């Protein structure tokens, strides 16, 4: 029996020909049961892999699971993520895997990118802006100077970021 048979039939006590709408409580109960069975299956795969030395990835693949694509920074990509190719920022609408293992990342307009061409997008933080400033100052003024002067910049950025946030709170 598949863990989704109950949903497909319309309920535990109904036949396929006697469908009806589920109540919220019944759907929640079915979803909880599916989650439990799914979690138990994954735990069994991990335990079996540990005991017999088989890579867990191989066992998960046998169950029909595949690894998600990763962006250029190695971070997993999910539907709904905000990504950028450096020029265009978009929300992931669809993920498609090809037979050779490559992925197509698509937005809601149908435009597609390869996973290796995108990174996750986040709004710049105070630390990001300060780090960009220090990098730019370093590149313009101090290029070629010994790396000893570069030490401590990350700590300085963190200190000033905290001070800027406090100043912003006072306004």
N, C-alpha and C. Protein backbone atom coordinates (compact mmCIF):
# COMPACT_ATOMS: atom_id res chain seq x y z
N UNK A 1 0.84 -1.19 0.00
CA UNK A 1 0.00 0.00 0.00
C UNK A 1 0.89 1.25 0.00
N UNK A 2 0.60 2.19 -0.86
CA UNK A 2 1.32 3.45 -0.94
C UNK A 2 0.83 4.39 0.15
N UNK A 3 1.70 5.26 0.65
CA UNK A 3 1.29 6.18 1.70
C UNK A 3 0.31 7.24 1.20
N UNK A 4 0.14 7.33 -0.12
CA UNK A 4 -0.81 8.31 -0.66
C UNK A 4 -2.13 7.67 -1.10
N UNK A 5 -2.25 6.34 -0.97
CA UNK A 5 -3.49 5.67 -1.38
C UNK A 5 -4.72 6.25 -0.68
N UNK A 6 -4.54 6.57 0.59
CA UNK A 6 -5.66 7.11 1.37
C UNK A 6 -6.15 8.42 0.77
N UNK A 7 -5.23 9.27 0.34
CA UNK A 7 -5.62 10.54 -0.28
C UNK A 7 -6.28 10.31 -1.63
N UNK A 8 -5.74 9.36 -2.38
CA UNK A 8 -6.27 9.08 -3.71
C UNK A 8 -7.69 8.53 -3.64
N UNK A 9 -8.01 7.78 -2.59
CA UNK A 9 -9.33 7.16 -2.49
C UNK A 9 -10.37 8.11 -1.92
N UNK A 10 -9.93 9.17 -1.28
CA UNK A 10 -10.88 10.10 -0.68
C UNK A 10 -11.08 9.89 0.80
N UNK A 11 -10.48 8.89 1.38
CA UNK A 11 -10.59 8.65 2.82
C UNK A 11 -10.44 7.18 3.12
N UNK A 12 -10.19 6.84 4.37
CA UNK A 12 -9.89 5.46 4.73
C UNK A 12 -11.10 4.54 4.58
N UNK A 13 -12.27 5.08 4.74
CA UNK A 13 -13.46 4.22 4.72
C UNK A 13 -14.25 4.33 3.42
N UNK A 14 -13.69 4.97 2.43
CA UNK A 14 -14.40 5.16 1.16
C UNK A 14 -13.71 4.41 0.04
N UNK A 15 -14.46 4.04 -0.97
CA UNK A 15 -13.88 3.42 -2.15
C UNK A 15 -13.51 4.50 -3.14
N UNK A 16 -12.79 4.14 -4.17
CA UNK A 16 -12.37 5.11 -5.19
C UNK A 16 -13.57 5.75 -5.88
N UNK A 17 -14.67 5.01 -6.02
CA UNK A 17 -15.84 5.55 -6.71
C UNK A 17 -16.70 6.42 -5.80
N UNK A 18 -16.45 6.42 -4.51
CA UNK A 18 -17.27 7.16 -3.55
C UNK A 18 -16.44 8.28 -2.91
N UNK A 19 -16.01 9.23 -3.73
CA UNK A 19 -15.14 10.30 -3.25
C UNK A 19 -15.95 11.39 -2.55
N UNK A 20 -15.26 12.07 -1.63
CA UNK A 20 -15.85 13.22 -0.95
C UNK A 20 -14.73 14.17 -0.56
N UNK A 21 -15.08 15.35 -0.14
CA UNK A 21 -14.07 16.32 0.29
C UNK A 21 -13.61 15.96 1.70
N UNK A 22 -12.33 16.16 1.96
CA UNK A 22 -11.78 15.92 3.29
C UNK A 22 -12.03 17.11 4.17
N UNK A 23 -12.18 16.86 5.45
CA UNK A 23 -12.21 17.93 6.44
C UNK A 23 -10.77 18.27 6.81
N UNK A 24 -10.56 19.45 7.37
CA UNK A 24 -9.21 19.89 7.72
C UNK A 24 -8.55 18.93 8.71
N UNK A 25 -9.29 18.46 9.69
CA UNK A 25 -8.74 17.55 10.69
C UNK A 25 -8.30 16.22 10.06
N UNK A 26 -9.11 15.71 9.14
CA UNK A 26 -8.78 14.44 8.49
C UNK A 26 -7.54 14.60 7.60
N UNK A 27 -7.46 15.72 6.85
CA UNK A 27 -6.28 15.97 6.02
C UNK A 27 -5.02 16.10 6.87
N UNK A 28 -5.14 16.81 7.98
CA UNK A 28 -4.00 16.96 8.88
C UNK A 28 -3.55 15.62 9.41
N UNK A 29 -4.48 14.78 9.77
CA UNK A 29 -4.16 13.45 10.27
C UNK A 29 -3.44 12.62 9.21
N UNK A 30 -3.93 12.66 7.98
CA UNK A 30 -3.29 11.91 6.89
C UNK A 30 -1.90 12.46 6.62
N UNK A 31 -1.77 13.79 6.58
CA UNK A 31 -0.47 14.41 6.33
C UNK A 31 0.53 14.03 7.43
N UNK A 32 0.08 14.03 8.68
CA UNK A 32 0.95 13.64 9.79
C UNK A 32 1.42 12.20 9.64
N UNK A 33 0.52 11.32 9.23
CA UNK A 33 0.85 9.91 9.03
C UNK A 33 1.87 9.76 7.89
N UNK A 34 1.67 10.50 6.80
CA UNK A 34 2.62 10.45 5.69
C UNK A 34 3.99 10.94 6.14
N UNK A 35 4.01 12.05 6.89
CA UNK A 35 5.28 12.56 7.41
C UNK A 35 5.99 11.54 8.28
N UNK A 36 5.25 10.87 9.16
CA UNK A 36 5.84 9.85 10.04
C UNK A 36 6.45 8.71 9.23
N UNK A 37 5.68 8.21 8.25
CA UNK A 37 6.17 7.09 7.44
C UNK A 37 7.40 7.52 6.62
N UNK A 38 7.36 8.72 6.08
CA UNK A 38 8.49 9.24 5.30
C UNK A 38 9.74 9.36 6.18
N UNK A 39 9.58 9.94 7.37
CA UNK A 39 10.69 10.12 8.30
C UNK A 39 11.26 8.76 8.71
N UNK A 40 10.38 7.78 8.98
CA UNK A 40 10.84 6.45 9.36
C UNK A 40 11.62 5.80 8.22
N UNK A 41 11.16 5.97 6.99
CA UNK A 41 11.86 5.40 5.83
C UNK A 41 13.25 6.00 5.69
N UNK A 42 13.36 7.32 5.86
CA UNK A 42 14.66 7.97 5.75
C UNK A 42 15.59 7.55 6.88
N UNK A 43 15.04 7.41 8.10
CA UNK A 43 15.86 6.96 9.22
C UNK A 43 16.36 5.54 8.99
N UNK A 44 15.52 4.68 8.39
CA UNK A 44 15.93 3.31 8.09
C UNK A 44 17.04 3.31 7.05
N UNK A 45 16.93 4.16 6.03
CA UNK A 45 17.98 4.25 5.01
C UNK A 45 19.29 4.67 5.66
N UNK A 46 19.24 5.66 6.53
CA UNK A 46 20.47 6.13 7.19
C UNK A 46 21.07 5.02 8.06
N UNK A 47 20.22 4.32 8.81
CA UNK A 47 20.70 3.24 9.67
C UNK A 47 21.29 2.10 8.83
N UNK A 48 20.60 1.71 7.77
CA UNK A 48 21.10 0.63 6.90
C UNK A 48 22.43 1.02 6.27
N UNK A 49 22.53 2.27 5.84
CA UNK A 49 23.77 2.74 5.21
C UNK A 49 24.91 2.68 6.21
N UNK A 50 24.64 3.06 7.44
CA UNK A 50 25.66 3.03 8.47
C UNK A 50 26.12 1.60 8.75
N UNK A 51 25.15 0.69 8.84
CA UNK A 51 25.47 -0.70 9.19
C UNK A 51 26.19 -1.45 8.09
N UNK A 52 25.80 -1.24 6.83
CA UNK A 52 26.43 -2.03 5.76
C UNK A 52 27.47 -1.27 4.96
N UNK A 53 27.73 -0.02 5.32
CA UNK A 53 28.77 0.74 4.66
C UNK A 53 28.40 1.28 3.29
N UNK A 54 27.15 1.08 2.85
CA UNK A 54 26.69 1.60 1.57
C UNK A 54 26.44 3.10 1.71
N UNK A 55 26.86 3.89 0.75
CA UNK A 55 26.56 5.33 0.84
C UNK A 55 25.05 5.57 0.89
N UNK A 56 24.62 6.42 1.79
CA UNK A 56 23.19 6.71 1.94
C UNK A 56 22.61 7.25 0.64
N UNK A 57 23.41 7.99 -0.14
CA UNK A 57 22.92 8.55 -1.40
C UNK A 57 22.45 7.45 -2.34
N UNK A 58 23.19 6.36 -2.39
CA UNK A 58 22.83 5.25 -3.28
C UNK A 58 21.50 4.63 -2.86
N UNK A 59 21.31 4.47 -1.55
CA UNK A 59 20.06 3.89 -1.07
C UNK A 59 18.89 4.85 -1.30
N UNK A 60 19.12 6.13 -1.09
CA UNK A 60 18.06 7.11 -1.34
C UNK A 60 17.69 7.13 -2.81
N UNK A 61 18.68 7.00 -3.69
CA UNK A 61 18.42 6.97 -5.12
C UNK A 61 17.56 5.75 -5.48
N UNK A 62 17.82 4.61 -4.83
CA UNK A 62 17.01 3.41 -5.07
C UNK A 62 15.55 3.65 -4.70
N UNK A 63 15.32 4.50 -3.69
CA UNK A 63 13.95 4.81 -3.27
C UNK A 63 13.30 5.87 -4.15
N UNK A 64 14.05 6.41 -5.10
CA UNK A 64 13.48 7.41 -6.00
C UNK A 64 13.80 8.84 -5.61
N UNK A 65 14.65 9.03 -4.60
CA UNK A 65 15.05 10.37 -4.19
C UNK A 65 16.25 10.81 -5.01
N UNK A 66 16.35 12.10 -5.26
CA UNK A 66 17.52 12.64 -5.95
C UNK A 66 18.00 13.86 -5.19
N UNK A 67 19.29 14.17 -5.32
CA UNK A 67 19.85 15.35 -4.68
C UNK A 67 19.36 16.60 -5.40
N UNK A 68 19.09 17.63 -4.64
CA UNK A 68 18.70 18.91 -5.22
C UNK A 68 19.91 19.53 -5.92
N UNK A 69 19.65 20.39 -6.89
CA UNK A 69 20.77 21.10 -7.52
C UNK A 69 21.38 22.08 -6.51
N UNK A 70 22.63 22.44 -6.73
CA UNK A 70 23.28 23.43 -5.88
C UNK A 70 23.73 24.61 -6.73
N UNK A 71 23.72 25.78 -6.10
CA UNK A 71 24.14 26.98 -6.82
C UNK A 71 25.67 27.02 -6.91
N UNK A 72 26.19 28.10 -7.46
CA UNK A 72 27.64 28.23 -7.66
C UNK A 72 28.40 28.21 -6.34
N UNK A 73 27.72 28.52 -5.23
CA UNK A 73 28.35 28.51 -3.91
C UNK A 73 28.17 27.17 -3.19
N UNK A 74 27.48 26.21 -3.84
CA UNK A 74 27.28 24.90 -3.23
C UNK A 74 26.06 24.79 -2.33
N UNK A 75 25.20 25.81 -2.35
CA UNK A 75 24.00 25.81 -1.50
C UNK A 75 22.83 25.20 -2.28
N UNK A 76 22.07 24.30 -1.64
CA UNK A 76 20.95 23.63 -2.30
C UNK A 76 19.90 24.64 -2.76
N UNK A 77 19.33 24.38 -3.94
CA UNK A 77 18.30 25.25 -4.52
C UNK A 77 16.94 24.59 -4.35
N UNK A 78 15.97 25.37 -3.85
CA UNK A 78 14.60 24.90 -3.66
C UNK A 78 13.64 25.80 -4.44
N UNK A 79 12.48 25.27 -4.79
CA UNK A 79 11.43 26.09 -5.38
C UNK A 79 11.08 27.18 -4.36
N UNK A 80 10.98 28.42 -4.84
CA UNK A 80 10.67 29.55 -3.97
C UNK A 80 11.89 30.36 -3.55
N UNK A 81 13.10 29.81 -3.76
CA UNK A 81 14.32 30.55 -3.42
C UNK A 81 14.48 31.75 -4.33
N UNK A 82 15.12 32.80 -3.82
CA UNK A 82 15.48 33.96 -4.63
C UNK A 82 16.92 33.76 -5.07
N UNK A 83 17.13 33.78 -6.39
CA UNK A 83 18.46 33.57 -6.96
C UNK A 83 18.83 34.75 -7.85
N UNK A 84 20.12 34.84 -8.14
CA UNK A 84 20.59 35.86 -9.06
C UNK A 84 21.69 35.28 -9.94
N UNK A 85 21.77 35.78 -11.15
CA UNK A 85 22.87 35.41 -12.03
C UNK A 85 23.89 36.55 -12.10
N UNK A 86 23.75 37.50 -11.20
CA UNK A 86 24.62 38.67 -11.16
C UNK A 86 24.00 39.88 -11.80
N UNK A 87 23.07 39.64 -12.71
CA UNK A 87 22.39 40.73 -13.41
C UNK A 87 20.90 40.71 -13.13
N UNK A 88 20.32 39.54 -13.11
CA UNK A 88 18.87 39.38 -12.98
C UNK A 88 18.57 38.57 -11.71
N UNK A 89 17.63 39.06 -10.92
CA UNK A 89 17.20 38.35 -9.72
C UNK A 89 15.81 37.77 -9.97
N UNK A 90 15.60 36.52 -9.57
CA UNK A 90 14.32 35.87 -9.84
C UNK A 90 13.99 34.88 -8.73
N UNK A 91 12.74 34.46 -8.70
CA UNK A 91 12.28 33.44 -7.76
C UNK A 91 12.17 32.12 -8.52
N UNK A 92 12.68 31.05 -7.91
CA UNK A 92 12.64 29.72 -8.54
C UNK A 92 11.19 29.24 -8.56
N UNK A 93 10.71 28.94 -9.75
CA UNK A 93 9.34 28.47 -9.94
C UNK A 93 9.32 26.96 -10.21
N UNK A 94 10.39 26.47 -10.86
CA UNK A 94 10.41 25.06 -11.24
C UNK A 94 11.86 24.57 -11.33
N UNK A 95 12.07 23.32 -10.93
CA UNK A 95 13.36 22.65 -11.07
C UNK A 95 13.16 21.47 -12.00
N UNK A 96 14.03 21.32 -12.99
CA UNK A 96 13.93 20.20 -13.92
C UNK A 96 15.30 19.54 -14.04
N UNK A 97 15.32 18.22 -13.87
CA UNK A 97 16.57 17.47 -13.99
C UNK A 97 16.56 16.70 -15.30
N UNK A 98 17.72 16.66 -15.95
CA UNK A 98 17.85 15.95 -17.21
C UNK A 98 18.53 14.60 -16.98
N UNK A 99 18.48 13.74 -17.97
CA UNK A 99 19.04 12.40 -17.87
C UNK A 99 20.53 12.38 -17.54
N UNK A 100 21.25 13.43 -17.94
CA UNK A 100 22.69 13.47 -17.67
C UNK A 100 23.00 14.02 -16.28
N UNK A 101 21.94 14.34 -15.50
CA UNK A 101 22.13 14.84 -14.14
C UNK A 101 22.20 16.35 -14.03
N UNK A 102 22.17 17.05 -15.17
CA UNK A 102 22.19 18.52 -15.12
C UNK A 102 20.79 19.03 -14.79
N UNK A 103 20.73 20.25 -14.29
CA UNK A 103 19.47 20.85 -13.86
C UNK A 103 19.16 22.10 -14.64
N UNK A 104 17.88 22.38 -14.76
CA UNK A 104 17.40 23.63 -15.31
C UNK A 104 16.60 24.31 -14.20
N UNK A 105 16.96 25.54 -13.89
CA UNK A 105 16.29 26.32 -12.86
C UNK A 105 15.44 27.35 -13.59
N UNK A 106 14.12 27.32 -13.38
CA UNK A 106 13.23 28.20 -14.15
C UNK A 106 12.46 29.16 -13.26
N UNK A 107 12.20 30.36 -13.82
CA UNK A 107 11.33 31.30 -13.13
C UNK A 107 9.91 31.15 -13.68
N UNK A 108 8.97 31.96 -13.20
CA UNK A 108 7.58 31.81 -13.62
C UNK A 108 7.33 32.25 -15.06
N UNK A 109 8.29 32.94 -15.68
CA UNK A 109 8.18 33.32 -17.09
C UNK A 109 8.69 32.22 -18.02
N UNK A 110 9.26 31.16 -17.45
CA UNK A 110 9.80 30.08 -18.25
C UNK A 110 11.26 30.24 -18.62
N UNK A 111 11.87 31.37 -18.20
CA UNK A 111 13.30 31.56 -18.45
C UNK A 111 14.07 30.55 -17.61
N UNK A 112 15.18 30.05 -18.14
CA UNK A 112 15.92 28.99 -17.46
C UNK A 112 17.39 29.35 -17.29
N UNK A 113 17.97 28.83 -16.21
CA UNK A 113 19.37 29.00 -15.90
C UNK A 113 19.94 27.65 -15.51
N UNK A 114 21.22 27.46 -15.72
CA UNK A 114 21.91 26.29 -15.18
C UNK A 114 22.24 26.58 -13.73
N UNK A 115 22.21 25.56 -12.90
CA UNK A 115 22.45 25.74 -11.46
C UNK A 115 23.81 26.39 -11.20
N UNK A 116 24.80 26.05 -12.00
CA UNK A 116 26.15 26.58 -11.78
C UNK A 116 26.25 28.07 -12.10
N UNK A 117 25.25 28.64 -12.75
CA UNK A 117 25.28 30.05 -13.16
C UNK A 117 24.59 30.99 -12.19
N UNK A 118 24.04 30.47 -11.09
CA UNK A 118 23.26 31.31 -10.18
C UNK A 118 23.76 31.15 -8.74
N UNK A 119 23.43 32.14 -7.92
CA UNK A 119 23.68 32.09 -6.48
C UNK A 119 22.45 32.60 -5.76
N UNK A 120 22.34 32.26 -4.48
CA UNK A 120 21.21 32.75 -3.70
C UNK A 120 21.37 34.25 -3.48
N UNK A 121 20.26 34.92 -3.50
CA UNK A 121 20.22 36.39 -3.35
C UNK A 121 19.70 36.72 -1.97
N UNK A 122 20.35 37.61 -1.33
CA UNK A 122 19.84 38.12 -0.06
C UNK A 122 20.04 39.63 -0.03
N UNK A 123 19.20 40.27 0.72
CA UNK A 123 19.33 41.72 0.85
C UNK A 123 20.65 42.01 1.57
N UNK A 124 21.38 43.02 1.11
CA UNK A 124 22.66 43.31 1.75
C UNK A 124 22.49 43.71 3.22
N UNK A 125 23.36 43.19 4.04
CA UNK A 125 23.36 43.55 5.47
C UNK A 125 24.33 44.69 5.69
N UNK A 126 24.33 45.24 6.88
CA UNK A 126 25.30 46.28 7.23
C UNK A 126 26.71 45.73 7.06
N UNK A 127 26.91 44.48 7.48
CA UNK A 127 28.22 43.85 7.35
C UNK A 127 28.64 43.74 5.89
N UNK A 128 27.70 43.37 5.03
CA UNK A 128 28.00 43.26 3.59
C UNK A 128 28.48 44.59 3.03
N UNK A 129 27.77 45.67 3.36
CA UNK A 129 28.12 46.99 2.85
C UNK A 129 29.48 47.44 3.37
N UNK A 130 29.71 47.22 4.67
CA UNK A 130 31.01 47.60 5.24
C UNK A 130 32.15 46.76 4.66
N UNK A 131 31.90 45.46 4.45
CA UNK A 131 32.93 44.61 3.87
C UNK A 131 33.24 45.06 2.45
N UNK A 132 32.21 45.43 1.71
CA UNK A 132 32.41 45.94 0.35
C UNK A 132 33.24 47.22 0.39
N UNK A 133 32.93 48.09 1.35
CA UNK A 133 33.69 49.34 1.50
C UNK A 133 35.15 49.05 1.81
N UNK A 134 35.39 48.17 2.78
CA UNK A 134 36.79 47.89 3.14
C UNK A 134 37.53 47.21 1.99
N UNK A 135 36.85 46.34 1.26
CA UNK A 135 37.49 45.71 0.10
C UNK A 135 37.87 46.75 -0.95
N UNK A 136 36.96 47.69 -1.18
CA UNK A 136 37.21 48.74 -2.18
C UNK A 136 38.36 49.65 -1.74
N UNK A 137 38.36 50.04 -0.46
CA UNK A 137 39.45 50.87 0.06
C UNK A 137 40.77 50.13 -0.07
N UNK A 138 40.76 48.86 0.30
CA UNK A 138 41.98 48.05 0.20
C UNK A 138 42.48 47.98 -1.24
N UNK A 139 41.57 47.74 -2.17
CA UNK A 139 41.95 47.63 -3.58
C UNK A 139 42.50 48.94 -4.14
N UNK A 140 41.93 50.07 -3.70
CA UNK A 140 42.36 51.36 -4.24
C UNK A 140 43.62 51.90 -3.58
N UNK A 141 43.76 51.66 -2.29
CA UNK A 141 44.83 52.32 -1.54
C UNK A 141 45.99 51.41 -1.13
N UNK A 142 45.70 50.20 -0.83
CA UNK A 142 46.68 49.38 -0.14
C UNK A 142 47.13 48.17 -0.93
N UNK A 143 46.75 48.07 -2.17
CA UNK A 143 47.12 46.91 -2.96
C UNK A 143 48.63 46.75 -3.00
N UNK A 144 49.09 45.54 -2.73
CA UNK A 144 50.52 45.28 -2.73
C UNK A 144 51.16 45.42 -1.36
N UNK A 145 50.44 45.97 -0.39
CA UNK A 145 50.98 46.09 0.97
C UNK A 145 50.89 44.72 1.62
N UNK A 146 51.78 44.45 2.55
CA UNK A 146 51.82 43.14 3.20
C UNK A 146 50.47 42.77 3.80
N UNK A 147 50.16 41.47 3.77
CA UNK A 147 48.88 40.97 4.28
C UNK A 147 48.71 41.20 5.77
N UNK A 148 49.79 41.55 6.48
CA UNK A 148 49.67 41.75 7.92
C UNK A 148 48.69 42.89 8.22
N UNK A 149 48.59 43.86 7.33
CA UNK A 149 47.69 44.97 7.55
C UNK A 149 46.23 44.57 7.31
N UNK A 150 46.03 43.45 6.63
CA UNK A 150 44.67 42.97 6.33
C UNK A 150 44.05 42.27 7.53
N UNK A 151 44.88 41.81 8.46
CA UNK A 151 44.33 41.09 9.61
C UNK A 151 43.52 42.04 10.47
N UNK A 152 42.42 41.53 10.99
CA UNK A 152 41.58 42.33 11.87
C UNK A 152 40.49 43.10 11.15
N UNK A 153 40.46 43.08 9.83
CA UNK A 153 39.43 43.83 9.10
C UNK A 153 38.05 43.25 9.37
N UNK A 154 37.92 41.92 9.41
CA UNK A 154 36.61 41.30 9.67
C UNK A 154 36.07 41.72 11.03
N UNK A 155 36.96 41.76 12.04
CA UNK A 155 36.55 42.18 13.38
C UNK A 155 36.14 43.66 13.38
N UNK A 156 36.88 44.47 12.65
CA UNK A 156 36.57 45.89 12.55
C UNK A 156 35.21 46.09 11.88
N UNK A 157 34.94 45.33 10.82
CA UNK A 157 33.65 45.40 10.13
C UNK A 157 32.53 45.04 11.10
N UNK A 158 32.68 43.97 11.85
CA UNK A 158 31.65 43.54 12.82
C UNK A 158 31.42 44.61 13.88
N UNK A 159 32.50 45.22 14.38
CA UNK A 159 32.38 46.25 15.41
C UNK A 159 31.60 47.47 14.88
N UNK A 160 31.97 47.93 13.70
CA UNK A 160 31.31 49.10 13.15
C UNK A 160 29.87 48.79 12.70
N UNK A 161 29.62 47.58 12.26
CA UNK A 161 28.25 47.19 11.90
C UNK A 161 27.36 47.27 13.13
N UNK A 162 27.84 46.79 14.26
CA UNK A 162 27.06 46.86 15.50
C UNK A 162 26.80 48.30 15.89
N UNK A 163 27.83 49.15 15.76
CA UNK A 163 27.65 50.57 16.10
C UNK A 163 26.64 51.24 15.15
N UNK A 164 26.68 50.91 13.87
CA UNK A 164 25.73 51.49 12.92
C UNK A 164 24.31 51.05 13.22
N UNK A 165 24.14 49.77 13.60
CA UNK A 165 22.79 49.30 13.95
C UNK A 165 22.27 50.04 15.18
N UNK A 166 23.12 50.26 16.16
CA UNK A 166 22.70 51.00 17.36
C UNK A 166 22.31 52.43 17.00
N UNK A 167 23.07 53.05 16.12
CA UNK A 167 22.77 54.43 15.70
C UNK A 167 21.44 54.46 14.97
N UNK A 168 21.16 53.45 14.18
CA UNK A 168 19.89 53.38 13.45
C UNK A 168 18.71 53.20 14.38
N UNK A 169 18.91 52.48 15.50
CA UNK A 169 17.84 52.26 16.46
C UNK A 169 17.47 53.52 17.21
N UNK A 170 18.45 54.43 17.38
CA UNK A 170 18.22 55.66 18.15
C UNK A 170 17.37 56.65 17.39
N UNK A 171 17.34 56.55 16.10
CA UNK A 171 16.60 57.53 15.29
C UNK A 171 15.13 57.29 15.31
